[in-house]
Amino acid sequence: MLNQEIGTSQMSTSQSPLPTQVNVETLEKGFLINVFLEKNCPGLLVSILETFEELGLDVLDARVSCEDNFQLEAMGGENQSNAEGMDAQMVKQAVMQAISKWSENI
């Protein structure tokens, strides 16, 4: 039973439709978020920005390229109301979840 669960877990992670790279670094007052996907992804930027809003992150600076692939480098500053307890791993998980939800709708 346990081996079956492990196999299922590995299959679900390897079935990601797009190779995705998400890196989040903690800054003094916020996060540096880098997202890279190998192909252009119409609508993904909106999904990620909505996630930032839900997390209480204000985009202080961003560079986006959507021509041949999708690249986002954003500096997110924390709102004072949501600043407590958020870490880079939480931000990364939320961005990955946004990408996953977006990919289900394409």
PDB file of N, CA and C in Angstrom:
ATOM      1  N   MET A   1       0.831  -1.193   0.000  1.00  0.00           N
ATOM      2  CA  MET A   1       0.000   0.000   0.000  1.00  0.00           C
ATOM      3  C   MET A   1       0.871   1.251   0.000  1.00  0.00           C
ATOM      4  N   LEU A   2       1.902   1.290   0.859  1.00  0.00           N
ATOM      5  CA  LEU A   2       2.771   2.461   0.939  1.00  0.00           C
ATOM      6  C   LEU A   2       3.501   2.681  -0.384  1.00  0.00           C
ATOM      7  N   ASN A   3       4.020   1.594  -0.996  1.00  0.00           N
ATOM      8  CA  ASN A   3       4.705   1.731  -2.282  1.00  0.00           C
ATOM      9  C   ASN A   3       3.767   2.267  -3.354  1.00  0.00           C
ATOM     10  N   GLN A   4       2.515   1.849  -3.290  1.00  0.00           N
ATOM     11  CA  GLN A   4       1.529   2.324  -4.254  1.00  0.00           C
ATOM     12  C   GLN A   4       1.316   3.834  -4.088  1.00  0.00           C
ATOM     13  N   GLU A   5       1.238   4.313  -2.836  1.00  0.00           N
ATOM     14  CA  GLU A   5       1.058   5.741  -2.582  1.00  0.00           C
ATOM     15  C   GLU A   5       2.266   6.530  -3.063  1.00  0.00           C
ATOM     16  N   ILE A   6       3.465   6.005  -2.827  1.00  0.00           N
ATOM     17  CA  ILE A   6       4.681   6.687  -3.265  1.00  0.00           C
ATOM     18  C   ILE A   6       4.700   6.774  -4.787  1.00  0.00           C
ATOM     19  N   GLY A   7       4.350   5.698  -5.461  1.00  0.00           N
ATOM     20  CA  GLY A   7       4.311   5.705  -6.922  1.00  0.00           C
ATOM     21  C   GLY A   7       3.318   6.720  -7.453  1.00  0.00           C
ATOM     22  N   THR A   8       2.152   6.812  -6.840  1.00  0.00           N
ATOM     23  CA  THR A   8       1.145   7.781  -7.249  1.00  0.00           C
ATOM     24  C   THR A   8       1.652   9.195  -7.039  1.00  0.00           C
ATOM     25  N   SER A   9       2.304   9.430  -5.917  1.00  0.00           N
ATOM     26  CA  SER A   9       2.844  10.751  -5.615  1.00  0.00           C
ATOM     27  C   SER A   9       3.882  11.162  -6.651  1.00  0.00           C
ATOM     28  N   GLN A  10       4.753  10.236  -7.032  1.00  0.00           N
ATOM     29  CA  GLN A  10       5.787  10.550  -8.011  1.00  0.00           C
ATOM     30  C   GLN A  10       5.183  10.798  -9.385  1.00  0.00           C
ATOM     31  N   MET A  11       4.145  10.049  -9.745  1.00  0.00           N
ATOM     32  CA  MET A  11       3.513  10.242 -11.040  1.00  0.00           C
ATOM     33  C   MET A  11       2.873  11.617 -11.136  1.00  0.00           C
ATOM     34  N   SER A  12       2.193  12.047 -10.093  1.00  0.00           N
ATOM     35  CA  SER A  12       1.478  13.313 -10.168  1.00  0.00           C
ATOM     36  C   SER A  12       2.440  14.488 -10.300  1.00  0.00           C
ATOM     37  N   THR A  13       3.618  14.400  -9.695  1.00  0.00           N
ATOM     38  CA  THR A  13       4.564  15.505  -9.818  1.00  0.00           C
ATOM     39  C   THR A  13       5.257  15.484 -11.172  1.00  0.00           C
ATOM     40  N   SER A  14       5.422  14.324 -11.779  1.00  0.00           N
ATOM     41  CA  SER A  14       6.115  14.266 -13.060  1.00  0.00           C
ATOM     42  C   SER A  14       5.181  14.575 -14.226  1.00  0.00           C
ATOM     43  N   GLN A  15       3.877  14.668 -13.993  1.00  0.00           N
ATOM     44  CA  GLN A  15       2.942  14.948 -15.069  1.00  0.00           C
ATOM     45  C   GLN A  15       2.708  16.438 -15.266  1.00  0.00           C
ATOM     46  N   SER A  16       3.514  17.280 -14.665  1.00  0.00           N
ATOM     47  CA  SER A  16       3.391  18.717 -14.851  1.00  0.00           C
ATOM     48  C   SER A  16       3.481  19.029 -16.338  1.00  0.00           C
ATOM     49  N   PRO A  17       2.511  19.765 -16.890  1.00  0.00           N
ATOM     50  CA  PRO A  17       2.478  19.989 -18.326  1.00  0.00           C
ATOM     51  C   PRO A  17       3.627  20.862 -18.837  1.00  0.00           C
ATOM     52  N   LEU A  18       4.166  21.730 -17.997  1.00  0.00           N
ATOM     53  CA  LEU A  18       5.223  22.637 -18.421  1.00  0.00           C
ATOM     54  C   LEU A  18       6.395  22.577 -17.458  1.00  0.00           C
ATOM     55  N   PRO A  19       7.610  22.465 -17.980  1.00  0.00           N
ATOM     56  CA  PRO A  19       8.771  22.568 -17.084  1.00  0.00           C
ATOM     57  C   PRO A  19       8.781  23.959 -16.451  1.00  0.00           C
ATOM     58  N   THR A  20       8.785  23.993 -15.146  1.00  0.00           N
ATOM     59  CA  THR A  20       8.636  25.246 -14.414  1.00  0.00           C
ATOM     60  C   THR A  20       9.771  25.413 -13.422  1.00  0.00           C
ATOM     61  N   GLN A  21      10.260  26.627 -13.328  1.00  0.00           N
ATOM     62  CA  GLN A  21      11.282  26.949 -12.343  1.00  0.00           C
ATOM     63  C   GLN A  21      10.779  28.142 -11.536  1.00  0.00           C
ATOM     64  N   VAL A  22      10.681  27.972 -10.224  1.00  0.00           N
ATOM     65  CA  VAL A  22      10.260  29.050  -9.333  1.00  0.00           C
ATOM     66  C   VAL A  22      11.287  29.157  -8.216  1.00  0.00           C
ATOM     67  N   ASN A  23      11.863  30.337  -8.059  1.00  0.00           N
ATOM     68  CA  ASN A  23      12.813  30.602  -6.981  1.00  0.00           C
ATOM     69  C   ASN A  23      12.332  31.812  -6.205  1.00  0.00           C
ATOM     70  N   VAL A  24      12.382  31.717  -4.893  1.00  0.00           N
ATOM     71  CA  VAL A  24      11.984  32.833  -4.034  1.00  0.00           C
ATOM     72  C   VAL A  24      13.091  33.055  -3.015  1.00  0.00           C
ATOM     73  N   GLU A  25      13.579  34.286  -2.953  1.00  0.00           N
ATOM     74  CA  GLU A  25      14.603  34.660  -1.978  1.00  0.00           C
ATOM     75  C   GLU A  25      14.007  35.676  -1.015  1.00  0.00           C
ATOM     76  N   THR A  26      14.376  35.562   0.249  1.00  0.00           N
ATOM     77  CA  THR A  26      13.917  36.516   1.249  1.00  0.00           C
ATOM     78  C   THR A  26      14.803  37.753   1.215  1.00  0.00           C
ATOM     79  N   LEU A  27      14.163  38.909   1.136  1.00  0.00           N
ATOM     80  CA  LEU A  27      14.856  40.190   1.203  1.00  0.00           C
ATOM     81  C   LEU A  27      14.584  40.810   2.562  1.00  0.00           C
ATOM     82  N   GLU A  28      15.178  41.965   2.816  1.00  0.00           N
ATOM     83  CA  GLU A  28      14.987  42.619   4.113  1.00  0.00           C
ATOM     84  C   GLU A  28      13.507  42.878   4.409  1.00  0.00           C
ATOM     85  N   LYS A  29      12.779  43.383   3.418  1.00  0.00           N
ATOM     86  CA  LYS A  29      11.351  43.662   3.618  1.00  0.00           C
ATOM     87  C   LYS A  29      10.547  43.111   2.455  1.00  0.00           C
ATOM     88  N   GLY A  30      10.613  41.823   2.247  1.00  0.00           N
ATOM     89  CA  GLY A  30       9.846  41.222   1.170  1.00  0.00           C
ATOM     90  C   GLY A  30      10.574  40.054   0.540  1.00  0.00           C
ATOM     91  N   PHE A  31      10.308  39.842  -0.747  1.00  0.00           N
ATOM     92  CA  PHE A  31      10.828  38.675  -1.447  1.00  0.00           C
ATOM     93  C   PHE A  31      11.219  39.024  -2.876  1.00  0.00           C
ATOM     94  N   LEU A  32      12.207  38.307  -3.401  1.00  0.00           N
ATOM     95  CA  LEU A  32      12.556  38.359  -4.811  1.00  0.00           C
ATOM     96  C   LEU A  32      12.040  37.061  -5.413  1.00  0.00           C
ATOM     97  N   ILE A  33      11.133  37.177  -6.369  1.00  0.00           N
ATOM     98  CA  ILE A  33      10.469  36.013  -6.948  1.00  0.00           C
ATOM     99  C   ILE A  33      10.866  35.895  -8.413  1.00  0.00           C
ATOM    100  N   ASN A  34      11.392  34.733  -8.800  1.00  0.00           N
ATOM    101  CA  ASN A  34      11.749  34.449 -10.191  1.00  0.00           C
ATOM    102  C   ASN A  34      10.943  33.256 -10.670  1.00  0.00           C
ATOM    103  N   VAL A  35      10.277  33.423 -11.807  1.00  0.00           N
ATOM    104  CA  VAL A  35       9.475  32.349 -12.394  1.00  0.00           C
ATOM    105  C   VAL A  35       9.910  32.199 -13.849  1.00  0.00           C
ATOM    106  N   PHE A  36      10.137  30.955 -14.274  1.00  0.00           N
ATOM    107  CA  PHE A  36      10.513  30.691 -15.662  1.00  0.00           C
ATOM    108  C   PHE A  36       9.759  29.467 -16.158  1.00  0.00           C
ATOM    109  N   LEU A  37       9.108  29.607 -17.309  1.00  0.00           N
ATOM    110  CA  LEU A  37       8.491  28.487 -18.010  1.00  0.00           C
ATOM    111  C   LEU A  37       9.009  28.508 -19.433  1.00  0.00           C
ATOM    112  N   GLU A  38       9.177  27.334 -20.037  1.00  0.00           N
ATOM    113  CA  GLU A  38       9.823  27.228 -21.341  1.00  0.00           C
ATOM    114  C   GLU A  38       8.982  27.725 -22.505  1.00  0.00           C
ATOM    115  N   LYS A  39       7.704  27.993 -22.297  1.00  0.00           N
ATOM    116  CA  LYS A  39       6.909  28.516 -23.404  1.00  0.00           C
ATOM    117  C   LYS A  39       6.069  29.695 -22.941  1.00  0.00           C
ATOM    118  N   ASN A  40       5.593  30.465 -23.899  1.00  0.00           N
ATOM    119  CA  ASN A  40       4.744  31.607 -23.617  1.00  0.00           C
ATOM    120  C   ASN A  40       3.453  31.116 -22.966  1.00  0.00           C
ATOM    121  N   CYS A  41       2.985  31.820 -21.953  1.00  0.00           N
ATOM    122  CA  CYS A  41       1.834  31.365 -21.180  1.00  0.00           C
ATOM    123  C   CYS A  41       0.816  32.493 -21.023  1.00  0.00           C
ATOM    124  N   PRO A  42      -0.040  32.720 -22.032  1.00  0.00           N
ATOM    125  CA  PRO A  42      -1.025  33.800 -21.936  1.00  0.00           C
ATOM    126  C   PRO A  42      -1.915  33.635 -20.708  1.00  0.00           C
ATOM    127  N   GLY A  43      -2.054  34.701 -19.944  1.00  0.00           N
ATOM    128  CA  GLY A  43      -2.907  34.689 -18.761  1.00  0.00           C
ATOM    129  C   GLY A  43      -2.202  34.327 -17.469  1.00  0.00           C
ATOM    130  N   LEU A  44      -1.006  33.775 -17.554  1.00  0.00           N
ATOM    131  CA  LEU A  44      -0.316  33.339 -16.339  1.00  0.00           C
ATOM    132  C   LEU A  44       0.095  34.520 -15.467  1.00  0.00           C
ATOM    133  N   LEU A  45       0.525  35.609 -16.077  1.00  0.00           N
ATOM    134  CA  LEU A  45       0.940  36.777 -15.299  1.00  0.00           C
ATOM    135  C   LEU A  45      -0.194  37.254 -14.399  1.00  0.00           C
ATOM    136  N   VAL A  46      -1.403  37.292 -14.931  1.00  0.00           N
ATOM    137  CA  VAL A  46      -2.563  37.721 -14.140  1.00  0.00           C
ATOM    138  C   VAL A  46      -2.763  36.786 -12.952  1.00  0.00           C
ATOM    139  N   SER A  47      -2.659  35.483 -13.175  1.00  0.00           N
ATOM    140  CA  SER A  47      -2.833  34.511 -12.089  1.00  0.00           C
ATOM    141  C   SER A  47      -1.796  34.706 -10.989  1.00  0.00           C
ATOM    142  N   ILE A  48      -0.550  34.942 -11.384  1.00  0.00           N
ATOM    143  CA  ILE A  48       0.513  35.134 -10.392  1.00  0.00           C
ATOM    144  C   ILE A  48       0.308  36.439  -9.630  1.00  0.00           C
ATOM    145  N   LEU A  49      -0.066  37.509 -10.339  1.00  0.00           N
ATOM    146  CA  LEU A  49      -0.304  38.790  -9.660  1.00  0.00           C
ATOM    147  C   LEU A  49      -1.480  38.701  -8.689  1.00  0.00           C
ATOM    148  N   GLU A  50      -2.514  37.945  -9.052  1.00  0.00           N
ATOM    149  CA  GLU A  50      -3.636  37.728  -8.130  1.00  0.00           C
ATOM    150  C   GLU A  50      -3.165  36.985  -6.882  1.00  0.00           C
ATOM    151  N   THR A  51      -2.256  36.043  -7.054  1.00  0.00           N
ATOM    152  CA  THR A  51      -1.695  35.313  -5.917  1.00  0.00           C
ATOM    153  C   THR A  51      -0.914  36.249  -5.012  1.00  0.00           C
ATOM    154  N   PHE A  52      -0.104  37.135  -5.608  1.00  0.00           N
ATOM    155  CA  PHE A  52       0.621  38.121  -4.803  1.00  0.00           C
ATOM    156  C   PHE A  52      -0.360  38.940  -3.969  1.00  0.00           C
ATOM    157  N   GLU A  53      -1.457  39.355  -4.599  1.00  0.00           N
ATOM    158  CA  GLU A  53      -2.456  40.157  -3.892  1.00  0.00           C
ATOM    159  C   GLU A  53      -3.061  39.374  -2.729  1.00  0.00           C
ATOM    160  N   GLU A  54      -3.390  38.103  -2.967  1.00  0.00           N
ATOM    161  CA  GLU A  54      -3.947  37.258  -1.907  1.00  0.00           C
ATOM    162  C   GLU A  54      -2.966  37.094  -0.752  1.00  0.00           C
ATOM    163  N   LEU A  55      -1.670  37.052  -1.060  1.00  0.00           N
ATOM    164  CA  LEU A  55      -0.643  36.910  -0.025  1.00  0.00           C
ATOM    165  C   LEU A  55      -0.367  38.223   0.701  1.00  0.00           C
ATOM    166  N   GLY A  56      -0.852  39.321   0.145  1.00  0.00           N
ATOM    167  CA  GLY A  56      -0.564  40.622   0.735  1.00  0.00           C
ATOM    168  C   GLY A  56       0.785  41.167   0.311  1.00  0.00           C
ATOM    169  N   LEU A  57       1.251  40.748  -0.871  1.00  0.00           N
ATOM    170  CA  LEU A  57       2.519  41.256  -1.406  1.00  0.00           C
ATOM    171  C   LEU A  57       2.240  42.370  -2.407  1.00  0.00           C
ATOM    172  N   ASP A  58       2.906  43.494  -2.219  1.00  0.00           N
ATOM    173  CA  ASP A  58       2.849  44.583  -3.187  1.00  0.00           C
ATOM    174  C   ASP A  58       4.018  44.411  -4.141  1.00  0.00           C
ATOM    175  N   VAL A  59       3.762  44.481  -5.441  1.00  0.00           N
ATOM    176  CA  VAL A  59       4.842  44.392  -6.416  1.00  0.00           C
ATOM    177  C   VAL A  59       5.545  45.743  -6.456  1.00  0.00           C
ATOM    178  N   LEU A  60       6.795  45.763  -6.008  1.00  0.00           N
ATOM    179  CA  LEU A  60       7.573  46.994  -5.960  1.00  0.00           C
ATOM    180  C   LEU A  60       8.337  47.221  -7.255  1.00  0.00           C
ATOM    181  N   ASP A  61       8.729  46.135  -7.917  1.00  0.00           N
ATOM    182  CA  ASP A  61       9.475  46.217  -9.166  1.00  0.00           C
ATOM    183  C   ASP A  61       9.299  44.884  -9.873  1.00  0.00           C
ATOM    184  N   ALA A  62       9.203  44.908 -11.198  1.00  0.00           N
ATOM    185  CA  ALA A  62       9.028  43.649 -11.928  1.00  0.00           C
ATOM    186  C   ALA A  62       9.563  43.771 -13.344  1.00  0.00           C
ATOM    187  N   ARG A  63      10.077  42.653 -13.839  1.00  0.00           N
ATOM    188  CA  ARG A  63      10.462  42.515 -15.243  1.00  0.00           C
ATOM    189  C   ARG A  63       9.775  41.258 -15.747  1.00  0.00           C
ATOM    190  N   VAL A  64       9.112  41.397 -16.892  1.00  0.00           N
ATOM    191  CA  VAL A  64       8.356  40.278 -17.439  1.00  0.00           C
ATOM    192  C   VAL A  64       8.686  40.132 -18.919  1.00  0.00           C
ATOM    193  N   SER A  65       8.863  38.898 -19.355  1.00  0.00           N
ATOM    194  CA  SER A  65       9.031  38.594 -20.771  1.00  0.00           C
ATOM    195  C   SER A  65       8.086  37.454 -21.110  1.00  0.00           C
ATOM    196  N   CYS A  66       7.267  37.659 -22.125  1.00  0.00           N
ATOM    197  CA  CYS A  66       6.287  36.639 -22.511  1.00  0.00           C
ATOM    198  C   CYS A  66       6.382  36.299 -23.997  1.00  0.00           C
ATOM    199  N   GLU A  67       7.509  36.603 -24.624  1.00  0.00           N
ATOM    200  CA  GLU A  67       7.595  36.428 -26.069  1.00  0.00           C
ATOM    201  C   GLU A  67       7.721  34.954 -26.467  1.00  0.00           C
ATOM    202  N   ASP A  68       8.862  34.338 -26.217  1.00  0.00           N
ATOM    203  CA  ASP A  68       9.058  32.929 -26.571  1.00  0.00           C
ATOM    204  C   ASP A  68       8.861  32.008 -25.377  1.00  0.00           C
ATOM    205  N   ASN A  69       9.107  32.544 -24.197  1.00  0.00           N
ATOM    206  CA  ASN A  69       8.920  31.799 -22.957  1.00  0.00           C
ATOM    207  C   ASN A  69       8.307  32.770 -21.954  1.00  0.00           C
ATOM    208  N   PHE A  70       8.087  32.303 -20.748  1.00  0.00           N
ATOM    209  CA  PHE A  70       7.534  33.175 -19.713  1.00  0.00           C
ATOM    210  C   PHE A  70       8.594  33.367 -18.647  1.00  0.00           C
ATOM    211  N   GLN A  71       8.978  34.612 -18.429  1.00  0.00           N
ATOM    212  CA  GLN A  71       9.941  34.937 -17.382  1.00  0.00           C
ATOM    213  C   GLN A  71       9.391  36.089 -16.566  1.00  0.00           C
ATOM    214  N   LEU A  72       9.425  35.931 -15.263  1.00  0.00           N
ATOM    215  CA  LEU A  72       8.998  36.990 -14.352  1.00  0.00           C
ATOM    216  C   LEU A  72      10.036  37.114 -13.254  1.00  0.00           C
ATOM    217  N   GLU A  73      10.505  38.324 -13.052  1.00  0.00           N
ATOM    218  CA  GLU A  73      11.339  38.624 -11.895  1.00  0.00           C
ATOM    219  C   GLU A  73      10.635  39.766 -11.182  1.00  0.00           C
ATOM    220  N   ALA A  74      10.191  39.521  -9.972  1.00  0.00           N
ATOM    221  CA  ALA A  74       9.432  40.532  -9.240  1.00  0.00           C
ATOM    222  C   ALA A  74       9.973  40.685  -7.832  1.00  0.00           C
ATOM    223  N   MET A  75       9.943  41.916  -7.357  1.00  0.00           N
ATOM    224  CA  MET A  75      10.281  42.186  -5.972  1.00  0.00           C
ATOM    225  C   MET A  75       8.962  42.512  -5.281  1.00  0.00           C
ATOM    226  N   GLY A  76       8.603  41.680  -4.329  1.00  0.00           N
ATOM    227  CA  GLY A  76       7.353  41.865  -3.609  1.00  0.00           C
ATOM    228  C   GLY A  76       7.610  42.324  -2.193  1.00  0.00           C
ATOM    229  N   GLY A  77       6.976  43.420  -1.814  1.00  0.00           N
ATOM    230  CA  GLY A  77       7.071  43.924  -0.450  1.00  0.00           C
ATOM    231  C   GLY A  77       5.827  43.531   0.314  1.00  0.00           C
ATOM    232  N   GLU A  78       6.000  43.166   1.557  1.00  0.00           N
ATOM    233  CA  GLU A  78       4.878  42.705   2.370  1.00  0.00           C
ATOM    234  C   GLU A  78       4.049  43.873   2.883  1.00  0.00           C
ATOM    235  N   ASN A  79       2.718  43.724   2.790  1.00  0.00           N
ATOM    236  CA  ASN A  79       1.821  44.659   3.473  1.00  0.00           C
ATOM    237  C   ASN A  79       2.003  44.466   4.966  1.00  0.00           C
ATOM    238  N   GLN A  80       1.881  45.509   5.729  1.00  0.00           N
ATOM    239  CA  GLN A  80       2.060  45.405   7.182  1.00  0.00           C
ATOM    240  C   GLN A  80       1.052  44.440   7.809  1.00  0.00           C
ATOM    241  N   SER A  81      -0.164  44.406   7.288  1.00  0.00           N
ATOM    242  CA  SER A  81      -1.195  43.551   7.883  1.00  0.00           C
ATOM    243  C   SER A  81      -0.896  42.061   7.719  1.00  0.00           C
ATOM    244  N   ASN A  82      -0.196  41.690   6.651  1.00  0.00           N
ATOM    245  CA  ASN A  82       0.076  40.272   6.385  1.00  0.00           C
ATOM    246  C   ASN A  82       1.540  39.898   6.563  1.00  0.00           C
ATOM    247  N   ALA A  83       2.341  40.809   7.094  1.00  0.00           N
ATOM    248  CA  ALA A  83       3.789  40.588   7.152  1.00  0.00           C
ATOM    249  C   ALA A  83       4.191  39.494   8.132  1.00  0.00           C
ATOM    250  N   GLU A  84       3.383  39.230   9.120  1.00  0.00           N
ATOM    251  CA  GLU A  84       3.734  38.259  10.156  1.00  0.00           C
ATOM    252  C   GLU A  84       3.672  36.834   9.616  1.00  0.00           C
ATOM    253  N   GLY A  85       4.735  36.089   9.801  1.00  0.00           N
ATOM    254  CA  GLY A  85       4.698  34.654   9.555  1.00  0.00           C
ATOM    255  C   GLY A  85       4.854  34.191   8.124  1.00  0.00           C
ATOM    256  N   MET A  86       5.007  35.066   7.154  1.00  0.00           N
ATOM    257  CA  MET A  86       5.168  34.615   5.778  1.00  0.00           C
ATOM    258  C   MET A  86       6.656  34.389   5.501  1.00  0.00           C
ATOM    259  N   ASP A  87       6.966  33.272   4.833  1.00  0.00           N
ATOM    260  CA  ASP A  87       8.356  33.015   4.472  1.00  0.00           C
ATOM    261  C   ASP A  87       8.451  32.667   2.984  1.00  0.00           C
ATOM    262  N   ALA A  88       9.671  32.526   2.503  1.00  0.00           N
ATOM    263  CA  ALA A  88       9.913  32.279   1.081  1.00  0.00           C
ATOM    264  C   ALA A  88       9.235  30.994   0.610  1.00  0.00           C
ATOM    265  N   GLN A  89       9.216  29.970   1.447  1.00  0.00           N
ATOM    266  CA  GLN A  89       8.593  28.700   1.066  1.00  0.00           C
ATOM    267  C   GLN A  89       7.091  28.863   0.850  1.00  0.00           C
ATOM    268  N   MET A  90       6.438  29.658   1.694  1.00  0.00           N
ATOM    269  CA  MET A  90       5.000  29.906   1.533  1.00  0.00           C
ATOM    270  C   MET A  90       4.722  30.629   0.217  1.00  0.00           C
ATOM    271  N   VAL A  91       5.558  31.606  -0.110  1.00  0.00           N
ATOM    272  CA  VAL A  91       5.388  32.352  -1.358  1.00  0.00           C
ATOM    273  C   VAL A  91       5.595  31.421  -2.548  1.00  0.00           C
ATOM    274  N   LYS A  92       6.637  30.593  -2.488  1.00  0.00           N
ATOM    275  CA  LYS A  92       6.920  29.660  -3.581  1.00  0.00           C
ATOM    276  C   LYS A  92       5.761  28.689  -3.776  1.00  0.00           C
ATOM    277  N   GLN A  93       5.249  28.132  -2.686  1.00  0.00           N
ATOM    278  CA  GLN A  93       4.124  27.195  -2.780  1.00  0.00           C
ATOM    279  C   GLN A  93       2.910  27.860  -3.411  1.00  0.00           C
ATOM    280  N   ALA A  94       2.629  29.098  -3.024  1.00  0.00           N
ATOM    281  CA  ALA A  94       1.472  29.815  -3.558  1.00  0.00           C
ATOM    282  C   ALA A  94       1.636  30.081  -5.055  1.00  0.00           C
ATOM    283  N   VAL A  95       2.845  30.452  -5.480  1.00  0.00           N
ATOM    284  CA  VAL A  95       3.096  30.700  -6.904  1.00  0.00           C
ATOM    285  C   VAL A  95       2.982  29.391  -7.688  1.00  0.00           C
ATOM    286  N   MET A  96       3.544  28.311  -7.170  1.00  0.00           N
ATOM    287  CA  MET A  96       3.441  27.005  -7.836  1.00  0.00           C
ATOM    288  C   MET A  96       1.983  26.569  -7.958  1.00  0.00           C
ATOM    289  N   GLN A  97       1.204  26.822  -6.911  1.00  0.00           N
ATOM    290  CA  GLN A  97      -0.213  26.475  -6.942  1.00  0.00           C
ATOM    291  C   GLN A  97      -0.943  27.307  -7.997  1.00  0.00           C
ATOM    292  N   ALA A  98      -0.605  28.585  -8.117  1.00  0.00           N
ATOM    293  CA  ALA A  98      -1.220  29.445  -9.132  1.00  0.00           C
ATOM    294  C   ALA A  98      -0.898  28.936 -10.535  1.00  0.00           C
ATOM    295  N   ILE A  99       0.348  28.506 -10.745  1.00  0.00           N
ATOM    296  CA  ILE A  99       0.750  27.967 -12.047  1.00  0.00           C
ATOM    297  C   ILE A  99      -0.009  26.678 -12.335  1.00  0.00           C
ATOM    298  N   SER A 100      -0.133  25.833 -11.325  1.00  0.00           N
ATOM    299  CA  SER A 100      -0.851  24.570 -11.483  1.00  0.00           C
ATOM    300  C   SER A 100      -2.319  24.809 -11.834  1.00  0.00           C
ATOM    301  N   LYS A 101      -2.975  25.716 -11.115  1.00  0.00           N
ATOM    302  CA  LYS A 101      -4.383  26.035 -11.408  1.00  0.00           C
ATOM    303  C   LYS A 101      -4.523  26.619 -12.803  1.00  0.00           C
ATOM    304  N   TRP A 102      -3.590  27.510 -13.172  1.00  0.00           N
ATOM    305  CA  TRP A 102      -3.629  28.117 -14.499  1.00  0.00           C
ATOM    306  C   TRP A 102      -3.493  27.032 -15.570  1.00  0.00           C
ATOM    307  N   SER A 103      -2.570  26.080 -15.373  1.00  0.00           N
ATOM    308  CA  SER A 103      -2.323  25.052 -16.391  1.00  0.00           C
ATOM    309  C   SER A 103      -3.513  24.108 -16.553  1.00  0.00           C
ATOM    310  N   GLU A 104      -4.328  23.964 -15.517  1.00  0.00           N
ATOM    311  CA  GLU A 104      -5.526  23.125 -15.618  1.00  0.00           C
ATOM    312  C   GLU A 104      -6.568  23.761 -16.533  1.00  0.00           C
ATOM    313  N   ASN A 105      -6.497  25.080 -16.688  1.00  0.00           N
ATOM    314  CA  ASN A 105      -7.500  25.800 -17.472  1.00  0.00           C
ATOM    315  C   ASN A 105      -7.076  26.067 -18.908  1.00  0.00           C
ATOM    316  N   ILE A 106      -5.901  25.566 -19.315  1.00  0.00           N
ATOM    317  CA  ILE A 106      -5.468  25.812 -20.702  1.00  0.00           C
ATOM    318  C   ILE A 106      -5.819  24.647 -21.588  1.00  0.00           C
TER     319      ILE A 106
END
